[in-house]
Amino acid sequence: MKHDSALLRLKNVEGHIRGIERMVEDGAYCIDIIRQVQAVQAALNKISTTILEGYLNSCLITVVRGDDPDERERVLKEIAGIFEAATKT
């Protein structure tokens, strides 16, 4: 994903969050608020996944093809850390 596209999606999420704030301030039905929060979470997950795909298809390939084993190890640990963080509850 190009960063411009990511920024546009993030601005959309920002607007969505402002809408949720208004819902909370106005005392909207709790289930409706939760549904909107879930929609924002799904949008953020999509942004994250798309950015990660771009990273794997560019930066990671460059490092894997490179000659520096320490850099390969560092990048693989970074990716493992991302997956570990994503599975924590």
PDB file of N, CA and C in Angstrom:
ATOM      1  N   MET A   1       0.850  -1.173   0.000  1.00  0.00           N
ATOM      2  CA  MET A   1       0.000   0.000   0.000  1.00  0.00           C
ATOM      3  C   MET A   1       0.892   1.231   0.000  1.00  0.00           C
ATOM      4  N   LYS A   2       0.606   2.166  -0.851  1.00  0.00           N
ATOM      5  CA  LYS A   2       1.345   3.416  -0.827  1.00  0.00           C
ATOM      6  C   LYS A   2       0.967   4.170   0.441  1.00  0.00           C
ATOM      7  N   HIS A   3       1.927   4.926   0.950  1.00  0.00           N
ATOM      8  CA  HIS A   3       1.663   5.647   2.197  1.00  0.00           C
ATOM      9  C   HIS A   3       0.544   6.669   2.038  1.00  0.00           C
ATOM     10  N   ASP A   4       0.377   7.237   0.850  1.00  0.00           N
ATOM     11  CA  ASP A   4      -0.729   8.178   0.639  1.00  0.00           C
ATOM     12  C   ASP A   4      -2.067   7.491   0.860  1.00  0.00           C
ATOM     13  N   SER A   5      -2.171   6.260   0.381  1.00  0.00           N
ATOM     14  CA  SER A   5      -3.392   5.495   0.556  1.00  0.00           C
ATOM     15  C   SER A   5      -3.620   5.175   2.033  1.00  0.00           C
ATOM     16  N   ALA A   6      -2.546   4.824   2.729  1.00  0.00           N
ATOM     17  CA  ALA A   6      -2.652   4.533   4.165  1.00  0.00           C
ATOM     18  C   ALA A   6      -3.106   5.781   4.916  1.00  0.00           C
ATOM     19  N   LEU A   7      -2.546   6.923   4.558  1.00  0.00           N
ATOM     20  CA  LEU A   7      -2.932   8.168   5.223  1.00  0.00           C
ATOM     21  C   LEU A   7      -4.399   8.501   4.988  1.00  0.00           C
ATOM     22  N   LEU A   8      -4.869   8.275   3.775  1.00  0.00           N
ATOM     23  CA  LEU A   8      -6.281   8.531   3.471  1.00  0.00           C
ATOM     24  C   LEU A   8      -7.173   7.617   4.301  1.00  0.00           C
ATOM     25  N   ARG A   9      -6.812   6.350   4.385  1.00  0.00           N
ATOM     26  CA  ARG A   9      -7.600   5.417   5.186  1.00  0.00           C
ATOM     27  C   ARG A   9      -7.575   5.811   6.667  1.00  0.00           C
ATOM     28  N   LEU A  10      -6.409   6.243   7.150  1.00  0.00           N
ATOM     29  CA  LEU A  10      -6.307   6.654   8.552  1.00  0.00           C
ATOM     30  C   LEU A  10      -7.156   7.891   8.828  1.00  0.00           C
ATOM     31  N   LYS A  11      -7.216   8.811   7.888  1.00  0.00           N
ATOM     32  CA  LYS A  11      -8.067   9.989   8.068  1.00  0.00           C
ATOM     33  C   LYS A  11      -9.539   9.587   8.106  1.00  0.00           C
ATOM     34  N   ASN A  12      -9.903   8.591   7.306  1.00  0.00           N
ATOM     35  CA  ASN A  12     -11.281   8.090   7.352  1.00  0.00           C
ATOM     36  C   ASN A  12     -11.575   7.473   8.714  1.00  0.00           C
ATOM     37  N   VAL A  13     -10.625   6.719   9.248  1.00  0.00           N
ATOM     38  CA  VAL A  13     -10.793   6.119  10.574  1.00  0.00           C
ATOM     39  C   VAL A  13     -10.912   7.214  11.626  1.00  0.00           C
ATOM     40  N   GLU A  14     -10.092   8.248  11.485  1.00  0.00           N
ATOM     41  CA  GLU A  14     -10.144   9.372  12.428  1.00  0.00           C
ATOM     42  C   GLU A  14     -11.547   9.986  12.452  1.00  0.00           C
ATOM     43  N   GLY A  15     -12.129  10.182  11.278  1.00  0.00           N
ATOM     44  CA  GLY A  15     -13.482  10.723  11.210  1.00  0.00           C
ATOM     45  C   GLY A  15     -14.495   9.782  11.826  1.00  0.00           C
ATOM     46  N   HIS A  16     -14.302   8.512  11.608  1.00  0.00           N
ATOM     47  CA  HIS A  16     -15.188   7.499  12.178  1.00  0.00           C
ATOM     48  C   HIS A  16     -15.116   7.546  13.710  1.00  0.00           C
ATOM     49  N   ILE A  17     -13.913   7.692  14.241  1.00  0.00           N
ATOM     50  CA  ILE A  17     -13.746   7.765  15.700  1.00  0.00           C
ATOM     51  C   ILE A  17     -14.441   9.001  16.258  1.00  0.00           C
ATOM     52  N   ARG A  18     -14.330  10.120  15.555  1.00  0.00           N
ATOM     53  CA  ARG A  18     -15.046  11.327  16.003  1.00  0.00           C
ATOM     54  C   ARG A  18     -16.556  11.068  16.046  1.00  0.00           C
ATOM     55  N   GLY A  19     -17.053  10.306  15.070  1.00  0.00           N
ATOM     56  CA  GLY A  19     -18.465   9.944  15.074  1.00  0.00           C
ATOM     57  C   GLY A  19     -18.823   9.090  16.280  1.00  0.00           C
ATOM     58  N   ILE A  20     -17.934   8.182  16.648  1.00  0.00           N
ATOM     59  CA  ILE A  20     -18.168   7.349  17.834  1.00  0.00           C
ATOM     60  C   ILE A  20     -18.168   8.206  19.088  1.00  0.00           C
ATOM     61  N   GLU A  21     -17.256   9.170  19.149  1.00  0.00           N
ATOM     62  CA  GLU A  21     -17.230  10.094  20.300  1.00  0.00           C
ATOM     63  C   GLU A  21     -18.582  10.782  20.448  1.00  0.00           C
ATOM     64  N   ARG A  22     -19.125  11.254  19.332  1.00  0.00           N
ATOM     65  CA  ARG A  22     -20.428  11.929  19.375  1.00  0.00           C
ATOM     66  C   ARG A  22     -21.520  10.965  19.843  1.00  0.00           C
ATOM     67  N   MET A  23     -21.435   9.728  19.383  1.00  0.00           N
ATOM     68  CA  MET A  23     -22.423   8.733  19.817  1.00  0.00           C
ATOM     69  C   MET A  23     -22.373   8.549  21.326  1.00  0.00           C
ATOM     70  N   VAL A  24     -21.162   8.462  21.874  1.00  0.00           N
ATOM     71  CA  VAL A  24     -21.009   8.283  23.321  1.00  0.00           C
ATOM     72  C   VAL A  24     -21.534   9.518  24.052  1.00  0.00           C
ATOM     73  N   GLU A  25     -21.153  10.694  23.561  1.00  0.00           N
ATOM     74  CA  GLU A  25     -21.619  11.936  24.191  1.00  0.00           C
ATOM     75  C   GLU A  25     -23.142  12.043  24.169  1.00  0.00           C
ATOM     76  N   ASP A  26     -23.749  11.562  23.081  1.00  0.00           N
ATOM     77  CA  ASP A  26     -25.204  11.656  22.929  1.00  0.00           C
ATOM     78  C   ASP A  26     -25.949  10.504  23.602  1.00  0.00           C
ATOM     79  N   GLY A  27     -25.201   9.577  24.188  1.00  0.00           N
ATOM     80  CA  GLY A  27     -25.829   8.452  24.871  1.00  0.00           C
ATOM     81  C   GLY A  27     -26.471   7.446  23.922  1.00  0.00           C
ATOM     82  N   ALA A  28     -25.844   7.219  22.791  1.00  0.00           N
ATOM     83  CA  ALA A  28     -26.379   6.262  21.813  1.00  0.00           C
ATOM     84  C   ALA A  28     -26.436   4.858  22.413  1.00  0.00           C
ATOM     85  N   TYR A  29     -27.217   4.030  21.783  1.00  0.00           N
ATOM     86  CA  TYR A  29     -27.395   2.637  22.197  1.00  0.00           C
ATOM     87  C   TYR A  29     -26.026   1.939  22.207  1.00  0.00           C
ATOM     88  N   CYS A  30     -25.720   1.267  23.311  1.00  0.00           N
ATOM     89  CA  CYS A  30     -24.393   0.663  23.519  1.00  0.00           C
ATOM     90  C   CYS A  30     -23.990  -0.286  22.398  1.00  0.00           C
ATOM     91  N   ILE A  31     -24.913  -1.103  21.945  1.00  0.00           N
ATOM     92  CA  ILE A  31     -24.596  -2.074  20.901  1.00  0.00           C
ATOM     93  C   ILE A  31     -24.220  -1.348  19.601  1.00  0.00           C
ATOM     94  N   ASP A  32     -24.879  -0.248  19.318  1.00  0.00           N
ATOM     95  CA  ASP A  32     -24.533   0.535  18.126  1.00  0.00           C
ATOM     96  C   ASP A  32     -23.114   1.090  18.241  1.00  0.00           C
ATOM     97  N   ILE A  33     -22.757   1.555  19.427  1.00  0.00           N
ATOM     98  CA  ILE A  33     -21.401   2.069  19.651  1.00  0.00           C
ATOM     99  C   ILE A  33     -20.381   0.951  19.461  1.00  0.00           C
ATOM    100  N   ILE A  34     -20.661  -0.195  20.046  1.00  0.00           N
ATOM    101  CA  ILE A  34     -19.740  -1.330  19.931  1.00  0.00           C
ATOM    102  C   ILE A  34     -19.556  -1.726  18.470  1.00  0.00           C
ATOM    103  N   ARG A  35     -20.631  -1.739  17.716  1.00  0.00           N
ATOM    104  CA  ARG A  35     -20.530  -2.072  16.287  1.00  0.00           C
ATOM    105  C   ARG A  35     -19.635  -1.083  15.548  1.00  0.00           C
ATOM    106  N   GLN A  36     -19.739   0.177  15.895  1.00  0.00           N
ATOM    107  CA  GLN A  36     -18.904   1.183  15.244  1.00  0.00           C
ATOM    108  C   GLN A  36     -17.433   1.028  15.653  1.00  0.00           C
ATOM    109  N   VAL A  37     -17.196   0.712  16.914  1.00  0.00           N
ATOM    110  CA  VAL A  37     -15.831   0.459  17.383  1.00  0.00           C
ATOM    111  C   VAL A  37     -15.250  -0.740  16.635  1.00  0.00           C
ATOM    112  N   GLN A  38     -16.048  -1.783  16.464  1.00  0.00           N
ATOM    113  CA  GLN A  38     -15.582  -2.961  15.730  1.00  0.00           C
ATOM    114  C   GLN A  38     -15.263  -2.616  14.275  1.00  0.00           C
ATOM    115  N   ALA A  39     -16.042  -1.738  13.679  1.00  0.00           N
ATOM    116  CA  ALA A  39     -15.777  -1.314  12.304  1.00  0.00           C
ATOM    117  C   ALA A  39     -14.438  -0.586  12.214  1.00  0.00           C
ATOM    118  N   VAL A  40     -14.141   0.254  13.206  1.00  0.00           N
ATOM    119  CA  VAL A  40     -12.858   0.961  13.234  1.00  0.00           C
ATOM    120  C   VAL A  40     -11.718  -0.042  13.422  1.00  0.00           C
ATOM    121  N   GLN A  41     -11.906  -0.996  14.312  1.00  0.00           N
ATOM    122  CA  GLN A  41     -10.869  -2.011  14.522  1.00  0.00           C
ATOM    123  C   GLN A  41     -10.598  -2.791  13.246  1.00  0.00           C
ATOM    124  N   ALA A  42     -11.651  -3.141  12.516  1.00  0.00           N
ATOM    125  CA  ALA A  42     -11.489  -3.868  11.264  1.00  0.00           C
ATOM    126  C   ALA A  42     -10.751  -3.010  10.233  1.00  0.00           C
ATOM    127  N   ALA A  43     -11.076  -1.728  10.185  1.00  0.00           N
ATOM    128  CA  ALA A  43     -10.396  -0.830   9.245  1.00  0.00           C
ATOM    129  C   ALA A  43      -8.914  -0.709   9.589  1.00  0.00           C
ATOM    130  N   LEU A  44      -8.592  -0.581  10.872  1.00  0.00           N
ATOM    131  CA  LEU A  44      -7.191  -0.505  11.289  1.00  0.00           C
ATOM    132  C   LEU A  44      -6.457  -1.809  10.992  1.00  0.00           C
ATOM    133  N   ASN A  45      -7.126  -2.936  11.200  1.00  0.00           N
ATOM    134  CA  ASN A  45      -6.510  -4.221  10.877  1.00  0.00           C
ATOM    135  C   ASN A  45      -6.206  -4.318   9.388  1.00  0.00           C
ATOM    136  N   LYS A  46      -7.106  -3.827   8.553  1.00  0.00           N
ATOM    137  CA  LYS A  46      -6.901  -3.844   7.101  1.00  0.00           C
ATOM    138  C   LYS A  46      -5.696  -2.974   6.730  1.00  0.00           C
ATOM    139  N   ILE A  47      -5.593  -1.805   7.330  1.00  0.00           N
ATOM    140  CA  ILE A  47      -4.462  -0.921   7.059  1.00  0.00           C
ATOM    141  C   ILE A  47      -3.165  -1.612   7.466  1.00  0.00           C
ATOM    142  N   SER A  48      -3.150  -2.185   8.649  1.00  0.00           N
ATOM    143  CA  SER A  48      -1.969  -2.867   9.152  1.00  0.00           C
ATOM    144  C   SER A  48      -1.562  -4.023   8.243  1.00  0.00           C
ATOM    145  N   THR A  49      -2.527  -4.823   7.839  1.00  0.00           N
ATOM    146  CA  THR A  49      -2.256  -5.970   6.977  1.00  0.00           C
ATOM    147  C   THR A  49      -1.693  -5.528   5.635  1.00  0.00           C
ATOM    148  N   THR A  50      -2.263  -4.506   5.067  1.00  0.00           N
ATOM    149  CA  THR A  50      -1.808  -4.023   3.766  1.00  0.00           C
ATOM    150  C   THR A  50      -0.397  -3.453   3.852  1.00  0.00           C
ATOM    151  N   ILE A  51      -0.109  -2.717   4.916  1.00  0.00           N
ATOM    152  CA  ILE A  51       1.245  -2.182   5.100  1.00  0.00           C
ATOM    153  C   ILE A  51       2.235  -3.321   5.291  1.00  0.00           C
ATOM    154  N   LEU A  52       1.858  -4.321   6.071  1.00  0.00           N
ATOM    155  CA  LEU A  52       2.739  -5.469   6.286  1.00  0.00           C
ATOM    156  C   LEU A  52       3.002  -6.208   4.981  1.00  0.00           C
ATOM    157  N   GLU A  53       1.981  -6.386   4.156  1.00  0.00           N
ATOM    158  CA  GLU A  53       2.170  -7.035   2.858  1.00  0.00           C
ATOM    159  C   GLU A  53       3.179  -6.272   2.010  1.00  0.00           C
ATOM    160  N   GLY A  54       3.066  -4.950   2.013  1.00  0.00           N
ATOM    161  CA  GLY A  54       4.023  -4.127   1.276  1.00  0.00           C
ATOM    162  C   GLY A  54       5.431  -4.306   1.808  1.00  0.00           C
ATOM    163  N   TYR A  55       5.551  -4.367   3.114  1.00  0.00           N
ATOM    164  CA  TYR A  55       6.863  -4.561   3.753  1.00  0.00           C
ATOM    165  C   TYR A  55       7.455  -5.914   3.361  1.00  0.00           C
ATOM    166  N   LEU A  56       6.629  -6.949   3.434  1.00  0.00           N
ATOM    167  CA  LEU A  56       7.110  -8.288   3.098  1.00  0.00           C
ATOM    168  C   LEU A  56       7.538  -8.386   1.639  1.00  0.00           C
ATOM    169  N   ASN A  57       6.843  -7.662   0.768  1.00  0.00           N
ATOM    170  CA  ASN A  57       7.153  -7.719  -0.659  1.00  0.00           C
ATOM    171  C   ASN A  57       8.249  -6.766  -1.096  1.00  0.00           C
ATOM    172  N   SER A  58       8.747  -5.945  -0.196  1.00  0.00           N
ATOM    173  CA  SER A  58       9.823  -5.023  -0.587  1.00  0.00           C
ATOM    174  C   SER A  58      10.999  -5.128   0.378  1.00  0.00           C
ATOM    175  N   CYS A  59      10.848  -4.580   1.552  1.00  0.00           N
ATOM    176  CA  CYS A  59      11.948  -4.528   2.522  1.00  0.00           C
ATOM    177  C   CYS A  59      12.455  -5.920   2.891  1.00  0.00           C
ATOM    178  N   LEU A  60      11.546  -6.827   3.192  1.00  0.00           N
ATOM    179  CA  LEU A  60      11.959  -8.167   3.609  1.00  0.00           C
ATOM    180  C   LEU A  60      12.717  -8.879   2.504  1.00  0.00           C
ATOM    181  N   ILE A  61      12.228  -8.794   1.289  1.00  0.00           N
ATOM    182  CA  ILE A  61      12.903  -9.452   0.168  1.00  0.00           C
ATOM    183  C   ILE A  61      14.311  -8.902   0.002  1.00  0.00           C
ATOM    184  N   THR A  62      14.470  -7.610   0.131  1.00  0.00           N
ATOM    185  CA  THR A  62      15.792  -6.994   0.013  1.00  0.00           C
ATOM    186  C   THR A  62      16.740  -7.545   1.070  1.00  0.00           C
ATOM    187  N   VAL A  63      16.276  -7.652   2.301  1.00  0.00           N
ATOM    188  CA  VAL A  63      17.119  -8.142   3.395  1.00  0.00           C
ATOM    189  C   VAL A  63      17.447  -9.620   3.209  1.00  0.00           C
ATOM    190  N   VAL A  64      16.464 -10.402   2.816  1.00  0.00           N
ATOM    191  CA  VAL A  64      16.690 -11.840   2.640  1.00  0.00           C
ATOM    192  C   VAL A  64      17.707 -12.096   1.531  1.00  0.00           C
ATOM    193  N   ARG A  65      17.666 -11.307   0.490  1.00  0.00           N
ATOM    194  CA  ARG A  65      18.609 -11.468  -0.624  1.00  0.00           C
ATOM    195  C   ARG A  65      19.978 -10.875  -0.313  1.00  0.00           C
ATOM    196  N   GLY A  66      20.061 -10.094   0.749  1.00  0.00           N
ATOM    197  CA  GLY A  66      21.319  -9.442   1.114  1.00  0.00           C
ATOM    198  C   GLY A  66      22.306 -10.413   1.744  1.00  0.00           C
ATOM    199  N   ASP A  67      23.488  -9.893   2.036  1.00  0.00           N
ATOM    200  CA  ASP A  67      24.579 -10.712   2.557  1.00  0.00           C
ATOM    201  C   ASP A  67      24.780 -10.584   4.057  1.00  0.00           C
ATOM    202  N   ASP A  68      23.933  -9.823   4.740  1.00  0.00           N
ATOM    203  CA  ASP A  68      24.139  -9.560   6.161  1.00  0.00           C
ATOM    204  C   ASP A  68      23.241 -10.459   7.014  1.00  0.00           C
ATOM    205  N   PRO A  69      23.803 -11.535   7.591  1.00  0.00           N
ATOM    206  CA  PRO A  69      22.977 -12.451   8.392  1.00  0.00           C
ATOM    207  C   PRO A  69      22.405 -11.790   9.646  1.00  0.00           C
ATOM    208  N   ASP A  70      23.124 -10.825  10.222  1.00  0.00           N
ATOM    209  CA  ASP A  70      22.609 -10.124  11.403  1.00  0.00           C
ATOM    210  C   ASP A  70      21.362  -9.307  11.056  1.00  0.00           C
ATOM    211  N   GLU A  71      21.385  -8.678   9.888  1.00  0.00           N
ATOM    212  CA  GLU A  71      20.226  -7.889   9.456  1.00  0.00           C
ATOM    213  C   GLU A  71      19.030  -8.814   9.173  1.00  0.00           C
ATOM    214  N   ARG A  72      19.276  -9.955   8.568  1.00  0.00           N
ATOM    215  CA  ARG A  72      18.191 -10.927   8.333  1.00  0.00           C
ATOM    216  C   ARG A  72      17.570 -11.353   9.660  1.00  0.00           C
ATOM    217  N   GLU A  73      18.427 -11.661  10.623  1.00  0.00           N
ATOM    218  CA  GLU A  73      17.947 -12.096  11.944  1.00  0.00           C
ATOM    219  C   GLU A  73      17.135 -10.997  12.615  1.00  0.00           C
ATOM    220  N   ARG A  74      17.597  -9.754  12.512  1.00  0.00           N
ATOM    221  CA  ARG A  74      16.891  -8.624  13.109  1.00  0.00           C
ATOM    222  C   ARG A  74      15.501  -8.467  12.507  1.00  0.00           C
ATOM    223  N   VAL A  75      15.431  -8.541  11.188  1.00  0.00           N
ATOM    224  CA  VAL A  75      14.151  -8.354  10.500  1.00  0.00           C
ATOM    225  C   VAL A  75      13.198  -9.503  10.818  1.00  0.00           C
ATOM    226  N   LEU A  76      13.701 -10.717  10.859  1.00  0.00           N
ATOM    227  CA  LEU A  76      12.847 -11.861  11.194  1.00  0.00           C
ATOM    228  C   LEU A  76      12.320 -11.748  12.623  1.00  0.00           C
ATOM    229  N   LYS A  77      13.145 -11.261  13.542  1.00  0.00           N
ATOM    230  CA  LYS A  77      12.688 -11.056  14.915  1.00  0.00           C
ATOM    231  C   LYS A  77      11.621  -9.962  14.970  1.00  0.00           C
ATOM    232  N   GLU A  78      11.799  -8.924  14.167  1.00  0.00           N
ATOM    233  CA  GLU A  78      10.791  -7.854  14.096  1.00  0.00           C
ATOM    234  C   GLU A  78       9.442  -8.417  13.658  1.00  0.00           C
ATOM    235  N   ILE A  79       9.465  -9.216  12.617  1.00  0.00           N
ATOM    236  CA  ILE A  79       8.222  -9.782  12.093  1.00  0.00           C
ATOM    237  C   ILE A  79       7.598 -10.717  13.123  1.00  0.00           C
ATOM    238  N   ALA A  80       8.406 -11.542  13.753  1.00  0.00           N
ATOM    239  CA  ALA A  80       7.892 -12.434  14.794  1.00  0.00           C
ATOM    240  C   ALA A  80       7.261 -11.620  15.922  1.00  0.00           C
ATOM    241  N   GLY A  81       7.884 -10.497  16.280  1.00  0.00           N
ATOM    242  CA  GLY A  81       7.343  -9.624  17.321  1.00  0.00           C
ATOM    243  C   GLY A  81       5.995  -9.042  16.947  1.00  0.00           C
ATOM    244  N   ILE A  82       5.832  -8.695  15.680  1.00  0.00           N
ATOM    245  CA  ILE A  82       4.552  -8.161  15.200  1.00  0.00           C
ATOM    246  C   ILE A  82       3.454  -9.212  15.358  1.00  0.00           C
ATOM    247  N   PHE A  83       3.757 -10.446  14.940  1.00  0.00           N
ATOM    248  CA  PHE A  83       2.767 -11.502  15.070  1.00  0.00           C
ATOM    249  C   PHE A  83       2.468 -11.829  16.529  1.00  0.00           C
ATOM    250  N   GLU A  84       3.485 -11.804  17.366  1.00  0.00           N
ATOM    251  CA  GLU A  84       3.281 -12.054  18.784  1.00  0.00           C
ATOM    252  C   GLU A  84       2.387 -10.994  19.401  1.00  0.00           C
ATOM    253  N   ALA A  85       2.654  -9.739  19.081  1.00  0.00           N
ATOM    254  CA  ALA A  85       1.836  -8.643  19.605  1.00  0.00           C
ATOM    255  C   ALA A  85       0.399  -8.742  19.125  1.00  0.00           C
ATOM    256  N   ALA A  86       0.213  -9.192  17.896  1.00  0.00           N
ATOM    257  CA  ALA A  86      -1.136  -9.279  17.324  1.00  0.00           C
ATOM    258  C   ALA A  86      -1.967 -10.370  17.990  1.00  0.00           C
ATOM    259  N   THR A  87      -1.311 -11.367  18.562  1.00  0.00           N
ATOM    260  CA  THR A  87      -2.064 -12.475  19.158  1.00  0.00           C
ATOM    261  C   THR A  87      -2.275 -12.308  20.646  1.00  0.00           C
ATOM    262  N   LYS A  88      -1.697 -11.277  21.249  1.00  0.00           N
ATOM    263  CA  LYS A  88      -1.911 -11.028  22.677  1.00  0.00           C
ATOM    264  C   LYS A  88      -3.298 -10.470  22.887  1.00  0.00           C
ATOM    265  N   THR A  89      -3.907 -10.874  23.979  1.00  0.00           N
ATOM    266  CA  THR A  89      -5.259 -10.359  24.267  1.00  0.00           C
ATOM    267  C   THR A  89      -5.241  -9.505  25.505  1.00  0.00           C
TER     268      THR A  89
END
